Amino acid sequence: MIDQAAGLRAMHADAPTGLAPLEGTQACVIGSGKGGVGKSLLAGLLAAALARRGRRTLLVDGAQNQGNQHVLFGVRPVASLEALLQGERTPEDLLVPLTDHLDLLPADSGAETLYGLGPIDRARLHQRVTRLWDDYEHVIVDGGPGLESVVRAAAIRAGRLTVVTTPDPAALSDAYALLKIVHLQVPSIHIGVMVNRVAADDEPQLVFDRLQLAALRFLGRGLEDLGAVPESESLRAAARRPGTVLGIESAGVEAWADRLASATAEPAGHEGDQARGQWG
């Protein structure tokens, strides 16, 4: 399979990158087809890493009614999406400052009004909060559980999707399902892959090659290899202990933040070169 993947990678230069010209601040959506792969923790760590670089960053809990980012960071929401929906609050009222350069837009948890929302009303709610995007250099959206919430987040002012997976076969299968659906629904979006909880040095490349092979063969597009995050007791502890995320750094996430910060800072005239090279 890896020999096959190596051959197909030669096609990558001619495959569409999915990176289209965009206006204003665009979100980077962090998604996974399978729960339990560490997506929410990595989204929080990425946002914190960007903020440490002096980049004004907004972390959005895209779960809407199954929020957990406020739990990870050990903070209490000051207002609710339900209140926003009912016209009692503005999007700015929902913001929770985490550091000098990092704000959180938390989600609700178990709100009856949000539970009964249809897809159109959910999309309208999402559009209301996206008016905040242009106040930030980076917007990181934790796409929430399942395919629907990630596709919805990717479809509204998102320039990039990062699919988080693990080497587990079920996680890989669900990761491909996600990137396939997003590719079909939002073909202009750029898609990268981050492999979490790797235990062996060769696992990141093996996992990426499997997804790259499928994407090139069946979707006619390339993916970006964003690297990997090893299995770590400190990361497991951060997930179990609310409020400790800001004190955790991971080399894999730090490298990911450097790439995203560098790509965002690229002059507009070089966007095409960036897409064909580092982001290709």
C-alpha atoms as a PDB file:
ATOM      1  CA  MET A   1       0.000   0.000   0.000  1.00  0.00           C
ATOM      2  CA  ILE A   2       2.813   2.402   0.837  1.00  0.00           C
ATOM      3  CA  ASP A   3       4.474   1.809  -2.553  1.00  0.00           C
ATOM      4  CA  GLN A   4       1.119   2.600  -4.110  1.00  0.00           C
ATOM      5  CA  ALA A   5       0.846   5.746  -2.032  1.00  0.00           C
ATOM      6  CA  ALA A   6       4.333   6.834  -3.077  1.00  0.00           C
ATOM      7  CA  GLY A   7       3.343   6.486  -6.713  1.00  0.00           C
ATOM      8  CA  LEU A   8       0.157   8.436  -6.277  1.00  0.00           C
ATOM      9  CA  ARG A   9       1.989  11.224  -4.459  1.00  0.00           C
ATOM     10  CA  ALA A  10       3.623  12.008  -7.791  1.00  0.00           C
ATOM     11  CA  MET A  11       0.140  13.011  -8.948  1.00  0.00           C
ATOM     12  CA  HIS A  12      -0.166  15.474  -6.094  1.00  0.00           C
ATOM     13  CA  ALA A  13       1.297  18.409  -8.002  1.00  0.00           C
ATOM     14  CA  ASP A  14      -1.567  18.185 -10.485  1.00  0.00           C
ATOM     15  CA  ALA A  15      -4.322  17.519  -7.959  1.00  0.00           C
ATOM     16  CA  PRO A  16      -6.470  20.428  -6.784  1.00  0.00           C
ATOM     17  CA  THR A  17      -5.359  21.733  -3.406  1.00  0.00           C
ATOM     18  CA  GLY A  18      -8.789  23.004  -2.453  1.00  0.00           C
ATOM     19  CA  LEU A  19      -7.393  26.399  -1.409  1.00  0.00           C
ATOM     20  CA  ALA A  20      -9.459  29.217  -2.942  1.00  0.00           C
ATOM     21  CA  PRO A  21      -9.085  33.000  -2.658  1.00  0.00           C
ATOM     22  CA  LEU A  22     -10.810  34.133   0.541  1.00  0.00           C
ATOM     23  CA  GLU A  23     -11.809  37.464   2.049  1.00  0.00           C
ATOM     24  CA  GLY A  24     -11.590  38.385   5.724  1.00  0.00           C
ATOM     25  CA  THR A  25     -10.505  36.110   8.542  1.00  0.00           C
ATOM     26  CA  GLN A  26     -11.335  32.502   7.730  1.00  0.00           C
ATOM     27  CA  ALA A  27     -11.727  29.774  10.307  1.00  0.00           C
ATOM     28  CA  CYS A  28      -9.620  26.659  10.630  1.00  0.00           C
ATOM     29  CA  VAL A  29     -12.067  23.901  11.555  1.00  0.00           C
ATOM     30  CA  ILE A  30     -10.755  20.965  13.586  1.00  0.00           C
ATOM     31  CA  GLY A  31     -12.837  17.863  12.947  1.00  0.00           C
ATOM     32  CA  SER A  32     -12.823  14.101  13.262  1.00  0.00           C
ATOM     33  CA  GLY A  33     -15.165  11.434  12.052  1.00  0.00           C
ATOM     34  CA  LYS A  34     -14.830   9.501  15.303  1.00  0.00           C
ATOM     35  CA  GLY A  35     -15.163  10.703  18.873  1.00  0.00           C
ATOM     36  CA  GLY A  36     -12.419  10.085  21.402  1.00  0.00           C
ATOM     37  CA  VAL A  37      -9.443  10.899  19.150  1.00  0.00           C
ATOM     38  CA  GLY A  38      -8.433  14.021  21.101  1.00  0.00           C
ATOM     39  CA  LYS A  39      -9.809  16.602  18.660  1.00  0.00           C
ATOM     40  CA  SER A  40     -11.091  19.084  21.246  1.00  0.00           C
ATOM     41  CA  LEU A  41      -7.875  19.024  23.254  1.00  0.00           C
ATOM     42  CA  LEU A  42      -5.759  19.589  20.124  1.00  0.00           C
ATOM     43  CA  ALA A  43      -8.017  22.460  19.048  1.00  0.00           C
ATOM     44  CA  GLY A  44      -7.521  24.105  22.436  1.00  0.00           C
ATOM     45  CA  LEU A  45      -3.760  23.536  22.371  1.00  0.00           C
ATOM     46  CA  LEU A  46      -3.492  24.967  18.820  1.00  0.00           C
ATOM     47  CA  ALA A  47      -5.416  28.104  19.782  1.00  0.00           C
ATOM     48  CA  ALA A  48      -3.249  28.574  22.881  1.00  0.00           C
ATOM     49  CA  ALA A  49      -0.064  28.091  20.832  1.00  0.00           C
ATOM     50  CA  LEU A  50      -1.134  30.755  18.325  1.00  0.00           C
ATOM     51  CA  ALA A  51      -1.953  33.148  21.167  1.00  0.00           C
ATOM     52  CA  ARG A  52       1.520  32.624  22.664  1.00  0.00           C
ATOM     53  CA  ARG A  53       2.916  33.839  19.325  1.00  0.00           C
ATOM     54  CA  GLY A  54       1.123  37.128  19.837  1.00  0.00           C
ATOM     55  CA  ARG A  55      -1.620  36.310  17.328  1.00  0.00           C
ATOM     56  CA  ARG A  56      -5.104  37.471  18.330  1.00  0.00           C
ATOM     57  CA  THR A  57      -6.988  34.184  18.374  1.00  0.00           C
ATOM     58  CA  LEU A  58     -10.600  33.103  18.860  1.00  0.00           C
ATOM     59  CA  LEU A  59     -11.358  29.526  19.911  1.00  0.00           C
ATOM     60  CA  VAL A  60     -14.912  28.528  18.998  1.00  0.00           C
ATOM     61  CA  ASP A  61     -16.684  25.535  20.475  1.00  0.00           C
ATOM     62  CA  GLY A  62     -18.645  24.413  17.430  1.00  0.00           C
ATOM     63  CA  ALA A  63     -20.604  21.716  19.234  1.00  0.00           C
ATOM     64  CA  GLN A  64     -23.380  24.284  19.932  1.00  0.00           C
ATOM     65  CA  ASN A  65     -25.236  22.056  22.424  1.00  0.00           C
ATOM     66  CA  GLN A  66     -22.509  19.648  23.577  1.00  0.00           C
ATOM     67  CA  GLY A  67     -19.835  22.136  24.531  1.00  0.00           C
ATOM     68  CA  ASN A  68     -16.709  21.111  26.420  1.00  0.00           C
ATOM     69  CA  GLN A  69     -14.026  23.699  25.641  1.00  0.00           C
ATOM     70  CA  HIS A  70     -15.037  25.761  28.683  1.00  0.00           C
ATOM     71  CA  VAL A  71     -14.597  22.603  30.770  1.00  0.00           C
ATOM     72  CA  LEU A  72     -11.123  21.957  29.360  1.00  0.00           C
ATOM     73  CA  PHE A  73     -10.060  25.515  30.183  1.00  0.00           C
ATOM     74  CA  GLY A  74     -11.797  25.561  33.551  1.00  0.00           C
ATOM     75  CA  VAL A  75     -13.935  28.648  32.890  1.00  0.00           C
ATOM     76  CA  ARG A  76     -17.625  29.424  33.219  1.00  0.00           C
ATOM     77  CA  PRO A  77     -19.608  30.800  30.239  1.00  0.00           C
ATOM     78  CA  VAL A  78     -20.984  34.273  30.939  1.00  0.00           C
ATOM     79  CA  ALA A  79     -23.881  33.976  28.469  1.00  0.00           C
ATOM     80  CA  SER A  80     -25.429  31.289  26.311  1.00  0.00           C
ATOM     81  CA  LEU A  81     -26.068  30.586  22.656  1.00  0.00           C
ATOM     82  CA  GLU A  82     -29.692  30.113  23.657  1.00  0.00           C
ATOM     83  CA  ALA A  83     -29.793  33.738  24.852  1.00  0.00           C
ATOM     84  CA  LEU A  84     -28.164  34.836  21.589  1.00  0.00           C
ATOM     85  CA  LEU A  85     -30.755  32.909  19.610  1.00  0.00           C
ATOM     86  CA  GLN A  86     -33.563  34.593  21.554  1.00  0.00           C
ATOM     87  CA  GLY A  87     -32.100  38.056  20.959  1.00  0.00           C
ATOM     88  CA  GLU A  88     -31.219  38.633  24.617  1.00  0.00           C
ATOM     89  CA  ARG A  89     -27.441  38.726  24.004  1.00  0.00           C
ATOM     90  CA  THR A  90     -25.017  39.720  21.252  1.00  0.00           C
ATOM     91  CA  PRO A  91     -22.177  37.479  20.017  1.00  0.00           C
ATOM     92  CA  GLU A  92     -19.699  39.727  21.836  1.00  0.00           C
ATOM     93  CA  ASP A  93     -21.497  39.027  25.118  1.00  0.00           C
ATOM     94  CA  LEU A  94     -20.600  35.353  24.866  1.00  0.00           C
ATOM     95  CA  LEU A  95     -16.823  35.847  24.708  1.00  0.00           C
ATOM     96  CA  VAL A  96     -14.716  34.562  27.602  1.00  0.00           C
ATOM     97  CA  PRO A  97     -11.116  35.928  27.769  1.00  0.00           C
ATOM     98  CA  LEU A  98      -8.559  33.182  28.417  1.00  0.00           C
ATOM     99  CA  THR A  99      -5.282  35.087  27.907  1.00  0.00           C
ATOM    100  CA  ASP A 100      -4.235  38.475  26.514  1.00  0.00           C
ATOM    101  CA  HIS A 101      -4.489  37.139  22.957  1.00  0.00           C
ATOM    102  CA  LEU A 102      -6.985  34.306  23.309  1.00  0.00           C
ATOM    103  CA  ASP A 103     -10.764  34.424  23.673  1.00  0.00           C
ATOM    104  CA  LEU A 104     -13.210  31.530  23.885  1.00  0.00           C
ATOM    105  CA  LEU A 105     -16.678  31.447  22.329  1.00  0.00           C
ATOM    106  CA  PRO A 106     -18.187  28.595  24.362  1.00  0.00           C
ATOM    107  CA  ALA A 107     -21.104  26.369  23.419  1.00  0.00           C
ATOM    108  CA  ASP A 108     -24.147  25.413  25.451  1.00  0.00           C
ATOM    109  CA  SER A 109     -24.685  22.001  26.998  1.00  0.00           C
ATOM    110  CA  GLY A 110     -28.107  20.399  26.972  1.00  0.00           C
ATOM    111  CA  ALA A 111     -30.137  23.516  26.132  1.00  0.00           C
ATOM    112  CA  GLU A 112     -33.645  22.428  25.145  1.00  0.00           C
ATOM    113  CA  THR A 113     -34.106  25.259  22.641  1.00  0.00           C
ATOM    114  CA  LEU A 114     -30.910  24.381  20.783  1.00  0.00           C
ATOM    115  CA  TYR A 115     -31.741  20.686  20.823  1.00  0.00           C
ATOM    116  CA  GLY A 116     -34.899  21.362  18.848  1.00  0.00           C
ATOM    117  CA  LEU A 117     -33.256  23.550  16.195  1.00  0.00           C
ATOM    118  CA  GLY A 118     -33.426  22.431  12.589  1.00  0.00           C
ATOM    119  CA  PRO A 119     -30.419  22.589  10.222  1.00  0.00           C
ATOM    120  CA  ILE A 120     -31.433  25.980   8.789  1.00  0.00           C
ATOM    121  CA  ASP A 121     -31.760  27.625  12.198  1.00  0.00           C
ATOM    122  CA  ARG A 122     -28.456  26.097  13.293  1.00  0.00           C
ATOM    123  CA  ALA A 123     -26.782  27.542  10.213  1.00  0.00           C
ATOM    124  CA  ARG A 124     -28.319  30.955  10.933  1.00  0.00           C
ATOM    125  CA  LEU A 125     -26.997  30.835  14.481  1.00  0.00           C
ATOM    126  CA  HIS A 126     -23.548  29.999  13.161  1.00  0.00           C
ATOM    127  CA  GLN A 127     -23.717  32.897  10.709  1.00  0.00           C
ATOM    128  CA  ARG A 128     -24.551  35.296  13.541  1.00  0.00           C
ATOM    129  CA  VAL A 129     -21.444  34.390  15.517  1.00  0.00           C
ATOM    130  CA  THR A 130     -19.162  34.548  12.459  1.00  0.00           C
ATOM    131  CA  ARG A 131     -19.436  38.323  12.503  1.00  0.00           C
ATOM    132  CA  LEU A 132     -16.779  38.097  15.251  1.00  0.00           C
ATOM    133  CA  TRP A 133     -14.220  36.497  12.922  1.00  0.00           C
ATOM    134  CA  ASP A 134     -12.746  39.725  11.543  1.00  0.00           C
ATOM    135  CA  ASP A 135     -11.723  40.920  15.020  1.00  0.00           C
ATOM    136  CA  TYR A 136      -9.115  38.126  15.095  1.00  0.00           C
ATOM    137  CA  GLU A 137      -6.094  36.958  13.145  1.00  0.00           C
ATOM    138  CA  HIS A 138      -6.979  33.304  13.717  1.00  0.00           C
ATOM    139  CA  VAL A 139     -10.271  31.556  14.379  1.00  0.00           C
ATOM    140  CA  ILE A 140      -9.989  27.924  15.503  1.00  0.00           C
ATOM    141  CA  VAL A 141     -13.272  26.010  15.485  1.00  0.00           C
ATOM    142  CA  ASP A 142     -13.626  22.778  17.426  1.00  0.00           C
ATOM    143  CA  GLY A 143     -16.052  21.177  14.979  1.00  0.00           C
ATOM    144  CA  GLY A 144     -17.978  19.186  17.532  1.00  0.00           C
ATOM    145  CA  PRO A 145     -18.994  15.517  17.400  1.00  0.00           C
ATOM    146  CA  GLY A 146     -20.152  13.753  14.247  1.00  0.00           C
ATOM    147  CA  LEU A 147     -20.127  14.707  10.574  1.00  0.00           C
ATOM    148  CA  GLU A 148     -22.991  17.196  10.495  1.00  0.00           C
ATOM    149  CA  SER A 149     -21.555  19.799  12.850  1.00  0.00           C
ATOM    150  CA  VAL A 150     -18.147  19.697  11.155  1.00  0.00           C
ATOM    151  CA  VAL A 151     -19.629  20.054   7.654  1.00  0.00           C
ATOM    152  CA  ARG A 152     -21.790  22.950   8.852  1.00  0.00           C
ATOM    153  CA  ALA A 153     -18.786  24.692  10.401  1.00  0.00           C
ATOM    154  CA  ALA A 154     -16.664  24.080   7.303  1.00  0.00           C
ATOM    155  CA  ALA A 155     -19.328  25.549   5.016  1.00  0.00           C
ATOM    156  CA  ILE A 156     -19.465  28.969   6.710  1.00  0.00           C
ATOM    157  CA  ARG A 157     -16.357  31.180   6.487  1.00  0.00           C
ATOM    158  CA  ALA A 158     -13.843  28.363   6.863  1.00  0.00           C
ATOM    159  CA  GLY A 159     -10.690  28.246   4.779  1.00  0.00           C
ATOM    160  CA  ARG A 160      -9.176  25.083   6.223  1.00  0.00           C
ATOM    161  CA  LEU A 161     -10.245  21.801   7.727  1.00  0.00           C
ATOM    162  CA  THR A 162      -7.876  19.732   9.828  1.00  0.00           C
ATOM    163  CA  VAL A 163      -8.968  16.123  10.167  1.00  0.00           C
ATOM    164  CA  VAL A 164      -7.687  14.650  13.433  1.00  0.00           C
ATOM    165  CA  THR A 165      -7.303  10.888  13.500  1.00  0.00           C
ATOM    166  CA  THR A 166      -5.421   8.174  15.340  1.00  0.00           C
ATOM    167  CA  PRO A 167      -3.772   5.026  13.923  1.00  0.00           C
ATOM    168  CA  ASP A 168      -6.860   3.035  14.970  1.00  0.00           C
ATOM    169  CA  PRO A 169      -8.530   1.483  11.863  1.00  0.00           C
ATOM    170  CA  ALA A 170     -12.002   2.675  12.916  1.00  0.00           C
ATOM    171  CA  ALA A 171     -10.712   6.236  13.364  1.00  0.00           C
ATOM    172  CA  LEU A 172      -9.081   6.112   9.923  1.00  0.00           C
ATOM    173  CA  SER A 173     -12.283   4.907   8.303  1.00  0.00           C
ATOM    174  CA  ASP A 174     -14.298   7.679   9.930  1.00  0.00           C
ATOM    175  CA  ALA A 175     -11.632  10.266   9.066  1.00  0.00           C
ATOM    176  CA  TYR A 176     -11.888   9.388   5.371  1.00  0.00           C
ATOM    177  CA  ALA A 177     -15.696   9.551   5.567  1.00  0.00           C
ATOM    178  CA  LEU A 178     -15.408  13.071   6.978  1.00  0.00           C
ATOM    179  CA  LEU A 179     -12.944  14.366   4.422  1.00  0.00           C
ATOM    180  CA  LYS A 180     -14.992  12.819   1.601  1.00  0.00           C
ATOM    181  CA  ILE A 181     -18.232  14.485   2.741  1.00  0.00           C
ATOM    182  CA  VAL A 182     -16.526  17.845   3.293  1.00  0.00           C
ATOM    183  CA  HIS A 183     -14.833  17.604  -0.114  1.00  0.00           C
ATOM    184  CA  LEU A 184     -18.182  16.972  -1.776  1.00  0.00           C
ATOM    185  CA  GLN A 185     -20.032  19.689   0.158  1.00  0.00           C
ATOM    186  CA  VAL A 186     -17.256  22.326   0.322  1.00  0.00           C
ATOM    187  CA  PRO A 187     -14.822  21.497  -2.504  1.00  0.00           C
ATOM    188  CA  SER A 188     -12.932  24.794  -2.150  1.00  0.00           C
ATOM    189  CA  ILE A 189     -11.742  24.112   1.403  1.00  0.00           C
ATOM    190  CA  HIS A 190      -8.178  23.079   2.102  1.00  0.00           C
ATOM    191  CA  ILE A 191      -7.861  19.804   4.036  1.00  0.00           C
ATOM    192  CA  GLY A 192      -4.954  18.739   6.227  1.00  0.00           C
ATOM    193  CA  VAL A 193      -4.395  15.713   8.465  1.00  0.00           C
ATOM    194  CA  MET A 194      -3.081  15.609  12.030  1.00  0.00           C
ATOM    195  CA  VAL A 195      -2.343  12.183  13.513  1.00  0.00           C
ATOM    196  CA  ASN A 196      -2.816  12.007  17.265  1.00  0.00           C
ATOM    197  CA  ARG A 197      -1.694   9.483  19.887  1.00  0.00           C
ATOM    198  CA  VAL A 198       1.039   7.841  17.825  1.00  0.00           C
ATOM    199  CA  ALA A 199       3.176   5.254  19.589  1.00  0.00           C
ATOM    200  CA  ALA A 200       5.784   4.395  16.936  1.00  0.00           C
ATOM    201  CA  ASP A 201       8.013   6.553  14.745  1.00  0.00           C
ATOM    202  CA  ASP A 202       6.625   5.162  11.495  1.00  0.00           C
ATOM    203  CA  GLU A 203       2.936   5.517  12.408  1.00  0.00           C
ATOM    204  CA  PRO A 204       2.400   9.133  11.296  1.00  0.00           C
ATOM    205  CA  GLN A 205       3.610   8.498   7.744  1.00  0.00           C
ATOM    206  CA  LEU A 206       1.744   5.195   7.461  1.00  0.00           C
ATOM    207  CA  VAL A 207      -1.511   6.812   8.579  1.00  0.00           C
ATOM    208  CA  PHE A 208      -1.122   9.844   6.342  1.00  0.00           C
ATOM    209  CA  ASP A 209      -0.211   7.720   3.319  1.00  0.00           C
ATOM    210  CA  ARG A 210      -3.386   5.665   3.685  1.00  0.00           C
ATOM    211  CA  LEU A 211      -5.585   8.761   3.703  1.00  0.00           C
ATOM    212  CA  GLN A 212      -3.551  10.431   0.958  1.00  0.00           C
ATOM    213  CA  LEU A 213      -3.864   7.342  -1.224  1.00  0.00           C
ATOM    214  CA  ALA A 214      -7.644   7.309  -0.864  1.00  0.00           C
ATOM    215  CA  ALA A 215      -8.002  11.069  -1.415  1.00  0.00           C
ATOM    216  CA  LEU A 216      -5.868  11.114  -4.556  1.00  0.00           C
ATOM    217  CA  ARG A 217      -7.457   8.029  -6.059  1.00  0.00           C
ATOM    218  CA  PHE A 218     -11.122   8.611  -5.274  1.00  0.00           C
ATOM    219  CA  LEU A 219     -11.412  12.374  -4.766  1.00  0.00           C
ATOM    220  CA  GLY A 220      -8.687  13.638  -7.082  1.00  0.00           C
ATOM    221  CA  ARG A 221      -7.207  15.947  -4.476  1.00  0.00           C
ATOM    222  CA  GLY A 222      -4.172  16.082  -2.234  1.00  0.00           C
ATOM    223  CA  LEU A 223      -4.031  16.458   1.539  1.00  0.00           C
ATOM    224  CA  GLU A 224      -1.556  18.312   3.714  1.00  0.00           C
ATOM    225  CA  ASP A 225       0.497  16.324   6.198  1.00  0.00           C
ATOM    226  CA  LEU A 226       0.376  18.443   9.356  1.00  0.00           C
ATOM    227  CA  GLY A 227       2.436  16.025  11.428  1.00  0.00           C
ATOM    228  CA  ALA A 228       1.647  14.086  14.558  1.00  0.00           C
ATOM    229  CA  VAL A 229       1.312  14.246  18.326  1.00  0.00           C
ATOM    230  CA  PRO A 230       2.715  11.287  20.299  1.00  0.00           C
ATOM    231  CA  GLU A 231       0.831   9.525  23.058  1.00  0.00           C
ATOM    232  CA  SER A 232       1.571  11.569  26.171  1.00  0.00           C
ATOM    233  CA  GLU A 233       0.729  11.334  29.849  1.00  0.00           C
ATOM    234  CA  SER A 234       0.819  15.133  30.155  1.00  0.00           C
ATOM    235  CA  LEU A 235      -1.849  15.461  27.444  1.00  0.00           C
ATOM    236  CA  ARG A 236      -3.993  12.777  29.035  1.00  0.00           C
ATOM    237  CA  ALA A 237      -3.684  14.598  32.355  1.00  0.00           C
ATOM    238  CA  ALA A 238      -4.655  17.934  30.749  1.00  0.00           C
ATOM    239  CA  ALA A 239      -7.837  16.362  29.404  1.00  0.00           C
ATOM    240  CA  ARG A 240      -8.717  15.107  32.890  1.00  0.00           C
ATOM    241  CA  ARG A 241      -7.818  18.249  34.836  1.00  0.00           C
ATOM    242  CA  PRO A 242      -9.800  21.357  33.861  1.00  0.00           C
ATOM    243  CA  GLY A 243      -7.781  24.538  33.614  1.00  0.00           C
ATOM    244  CA  THR A 244      -4.387  22.965  32.896  1.00  0.00           C
ATOM    245  CA  VAL A 245      -4.479  23.256  29.084  1.00  0.00           C
ATOM    246  CA  LEU A 246      -2.778  26.656  28.995  1.00  0.00           C
ATOM    247  CA  GLY A 247       0.239  25.201  30.772  1.00  0.00           C
ATOM    248  CA  ILE A 248       0.756  22.370  28.268  1.00  0.00           C
ATOM    249  CA  GLU A 249       2.921  22.489  25.151  1.00  0.00           C
ATOM    250  CA  SER A 250       3.324  19.752  22.538  1.00  0.00           C
ATOM    251  CA  ALA A 251       6.080  19.851  19.912  1.00  0.00           C
ATOM    252  CA  GLY A 252       3.676  18.577  17.258  1.00  0.00           C
ATOM    253  CA  VAL A 253       1.089  21.264  18.031  1.00  0.00           C
ATOM    254  CA  GLU A 254       3.765  23.975  18.222  1.00  0.00           C
ATOM    255  CA  ALA A 255       4.993  23.058  14.725  1.00  0.00           C
ATOM    256  CA  TRP A 256       1.387  23.062  13.495  1.00  0.00           C
ATOM    257  CA  ALA A 257       0.858  26.551  14.950  1.00  0.00           C
ATOM    258  CA  ASP A 258       4.052  27.808  13.281  1.00  0.00           C
ATOM    259  CA  ARG A 259       2.834  26.579   9.889  1.00  0.00           C
ATOM    260  CA  LEU A 260      -0.593  28.121  10.295  1.00  0.00           C
ATOM    261  CA  ALA A 261       0.810  31.435  11.521  1.00  0.00           C
ATOM    262  CA  SER A 262       3.306  31.518   8.652  1.00  0.00           C
ATOM    263  CA  ALA A 263       0.664  30.717   6.039  1.00  0.00           C
ATOM    264  CA  THR A 264      -1.671  33.406   7.368  1.00  0.00           C
ATOM    265  CA  ALA A 265       1.122  35.973   7.279  1.00  0.00           C
ATOM    266  CA  GLU A 266       2.010  35.159   3.647  1.00  0.00           C
ATOM    267  CA  PRO A 267       1.518  38.183   1.367  1.00  0.00           C
ATOM    268  CA  ALA A 268      -1.611  37.957  -0.754  1.00  0.00           C
ATOM    269  CA  GLY A 269       0.392  37.870  -3.980  1.00  0.00           C
ATOM    270  CA  HIS A 270       2.050  34.608  -2.916  1.00  0.00           C
ATOM    271  CA  GLU A 271      -1.116  32.745  -1.953  1.00  0.00           C
ATOM    272  CA  GLY A 272      -0.934  30.533  -5.031  1.00  0.00           C
ATOM    273  CA  ASP A 273       2.680  29.554  -4.332  1.00  0.00           C
ATOM    274  CA  GLN A 274       1.761  28.726  -0.750  1.00  0.00           C
ATOM    275  CA  ALA A 275      -1.062  26.488  -1.914  1.00  0.00           C
ATOM    276  CA  ARG A 276       1.152  24.591  -4.319  1.00  0.00           C
ATOM    277  CA  GLY A 277       4.019  24.251  -1.864  1.00  0.00           C
ATOM    278  CA  GLN A 278       3.683  24.029   1.880  1.00  0.00           C
ATOM    279  CA  TRP A 279      -0.105  23.804   1.748  1.00  0.00           C
ATOM    280  CA  GLY A 280      -0.283  21.639  -1.367  1.00  0.00           C
END
